[in-house]
């Protein structure tokens, strides 16, 4: 499908609204087993934007995190570069 890796296609299982501060931490506390997180869109307003520390906590807990477009791509560049 769409020429995307099979692991990335798992992201299309559940679609949520744009990610904001605290959303990823909430998801981490609700699920016992690591799940894939795909960040495509999100809130960029000060105080509402997802923080890099949230993404780092998810990665440390074994959750694969993909940064796609918009906020996802921006966060991927910030964390890698």
C-alpha atoms as a PDB file:
ATOM      1  CA  UNK A   1       0.000   0.000   0.000  1.00  0.00           C
ATOM      2  CA  UNK A   2       1.412   3.367  -1.065  1.00  0.00           C
ATOM      3  CA  UNK A   3       4.930   1.870  -1.184  1.00  0.00           C
ATOM      4  CA  UNK A   4       5.384   2.412   2.567  1.00  0.00           C
ATOM      5  CA  UNK A   5       7.236  -0.011   4.866  1.00  0.00           C
ATOM      6  CA  UNK A   6       4.931  -2.544   6.549  1.00  0.00           C
ATOM      7  CA  UNK A   7       5.936  -1.263   9.996  1.00  0.00           C
ATOM      8  CA  UNK A   8       4.786   2.237   9.092  1.00  0.00           C
ATOM      9  CA  UNK A   9       1.421   0.944   7.891  1.00  0.00           C
ATOM     10  CA  UNK A  10       0.635  -0.005  11.517  1.00  0.00           C
ATOM     11  CA  UNK A  11       0.222   3.722  12.146  1.00  0.00           C
ATOM     12  CA  UNK A  12      -2.895   3.793  10.032  1.00  0.00           C
ATOM     13  CA  UNK A  13      -4.592   1.458  12.495  1.00  0.00           C
ATOM     14  CA  UNK A  14      -5.585   4.327  14.770  1.00  0.00           C
ATOM     15  CA  UNK A  15      -5.821   7.935  13.731  1.00  0.00           C
ATOM     16  CA  UNK A  16      -5.969  10.622  16.388  1.00  0.00           C
ATOM     17  CA  UNK A  17      -6.208  14.375  16.152  1.00  0.00           C
ATOM     18  CA  UNK A  18      -3.159  16.651  15.976  1.00  0.00           C
ATOM     19  CA  UNK A  19      -0.698  15.854  18.774  1.00  0.00           C
ATOM     20  CA  UNK A  20      -0.235  18.330  21.605  1.00  0.00           C
ATOM     21  CA  UNK A  21       1.658  18.627  24.885  1.00  0.00           C
ATOM     22  CA  UNK A  22       0.964  15.637  27.137  1.00  0.00           C
ATOM     23  CA  UNK A  23      -0.729  13.450  24.510  1.00  0.00           C
ATOM     24  CA  UNK A  24       2.198  11.073  24.103  1.00  0.00           C
ATOM     25  CA  UNK A  25       2.764  10.731  27.860  1.00  0.00           C
ATOM     26  CA  UNK A  26      -0.932   9.865  28.288  1.00  0.00           C
ATOM     27  CA  UNK A  27      -0.692   7.183  25.640  1.00  0.00           C
ATOM     28  CA  UNK A  28       2.426   5.736  27.296  1.00  0.00           C
ATOM     29  CA  UNK A  29       0.656   5.401  30.638  1.00  0.00           C
ATOM     30  CA  UNK A  30      -2.476   3.800  29.126  1.00  0.00           C
ATOM     31  CA  UNK A  31      -0.739   1.037  27.188  1.00  0.00           C
ATOM     32  CA  UNK A  32       1.473  -1.624  28.724  1.00  0.00           C
ATOM     33  CA  UNK A  33       3.032  -2.903  25.480  1.00  0.00           C
ATOM     34  CA  UNK A  34       4.994  -0.618  23.146  1.00  0.00           C
ATOM     35  CA  UNK A  35       3.009   0.533  20.125  1.00  0.00           C
ATOM     36  CA  UNK A  36       4.109   2.479  17.107  1.00  0.00           C
ATOM     37  CA  UNK A  37       3.591   6.231  17.214  1.00  0.00           C
ATOM     38  CA  UNK A  38       3.400   8.282  14.009  1.00  0.00           C
ATOM     39  CA  UNK A  39       3.474  12.040  14.428  1.00  0.00           C
ATOM     40  CA  UNK A  40       2.120  13.785  11.365  1.00  0.00           C
ATOM     41  CA  UNK A  41       0.413  16.936  12.593  1.00  0.00           C
ATOM     42  CA  UNK A  42       0.307  18.838  15.847  1.00  0.00           C
ATOM     43  CA  UNK A  43      -0.146  22.046  17.730  1.00  0.00           C
ATOM     44  CA  UNK A  44       2.753  24.497  17.358  1.00  0.00           C
ATOM     45  CA  UNK A  45       1.486  27.157  19.783  1.00  0.00           C
ATOM     46  CA  UNK A  46       3.723  27.897  22.753  1.00  0.00           C
ATOM     47  CA  UNK A  47       2.733  25.783  25.735  1.00  0.00           C
ATOM     48  CA  UNK A  48       0.666  23.389  23.638  1.00  0.00           C
ATOM     49  CA  UNK A  49       3.317  21.847  21.355  1.00  0.00           C
ATOM     50  CA  UNK A  50       4.609  18.339  22.066  1.00  0.00           C
ATOM     51  CA  UNK A  51       7.973  18.491  23.779  1.00  0.00           C
ATOM     52  CA  UNK A  52      11.072  16.622  22.623  1.00  0.00           C
ATOM     53  CA  UNK A  53      11.316  15.075  26.099  1.00  0.00           C
ATOM     54  CA  UNK A  54       7.960  13.331  25.561  1.00  0.00           C
ATOM     55  CA  UNK A  55       9.244  11.781  22.355  1.00  0.00           C
ATOM     56  CA  UNK A  56      12.501  10.752  24.046  1.00  0.00           C
ATOM     57  CA  UNK A  57      10.536   9.035  26.854  1.00  0.00           C
ATOM     58  CA  UNK A  58       8.553   7.062  24.284  1.00  0.00           C
ATOM     59  CA  UNK A  59      11.742   6.011  22.497  1.00  0.00           C
ATOM     60  CA  UNK A  60      13.377   5.022  25.801  1.00  0.00           C
ATOM     61  CA  UNK A  61      10.326   2.888  26.634  1.00  0.00           C
ATOM     62  CA  UNK A  62      10.807   0.978  23.371  1.00  0.00           C
ATOM     63  CA  UNK A  63       8.102   2.667  21.327  1.00  0.00           C
ATOM     64  CA  UNK A  64       9.044   3.221  17.673  1.00  0.00           C
ATOM     65  CA  UNK A  65       8.291   6.842  16.723  1.00  0.00           C
ATOM     66  CA  UNK A  66       7.938   8.049  13.134  1.00  0.00           C
ATOM     67  CA  UNK A  67       7.936  11.755  12.245  1.00  0.00           C
ATOM     68  CA  UNK A  68       6.019  12.304   9.029  1.00  0.00           C
ATOM     69  CA  UNK A  69       4.877  15.728   7.846  1.00  0.00           C
ATOM     70  CA  UNK A  70       4.384  19.047   9.578  1.00  0.00           C
ATOM     71  CA  UNK A  71       5.137  18.714  13.310  1.00  0.00           C
ATOM     72  CA  UNK A  72       6.356  15.133  12.904  1.00  0.00           C
ATOM     73  CA  UNK A  73       9.007  16.151  10.407  1.00  0.00           C
ATOM     74  CA  UNK A  74      10.052  19.173  12.482  1.00  0.00           C
ATOM     75  CA  UNK A  75      10.451  17.070  15.631  1.00  0.00           C
ATOM     76  CA  UNK A  76      12.388  14.392  13.744  1.00  0.00           C
ATOM     77  CA  UNK A  77      14.887  16.999  12.528  1.00  0.00           C
ATOM     78  CA  UNK A  78      15.189  18.556  15.996  1.00  0.00           C
ATOM     79  CA  UNK A  79      15.872  15.197  17.652  1.00  0.00           C
ATOM     80  CA  UNK A  80      18.325  13.910  15.030  1.00  0.00           C
ATOM     81  CA  UNK A  81      20.146  17.038  14.134  1.00  0.00           C
END
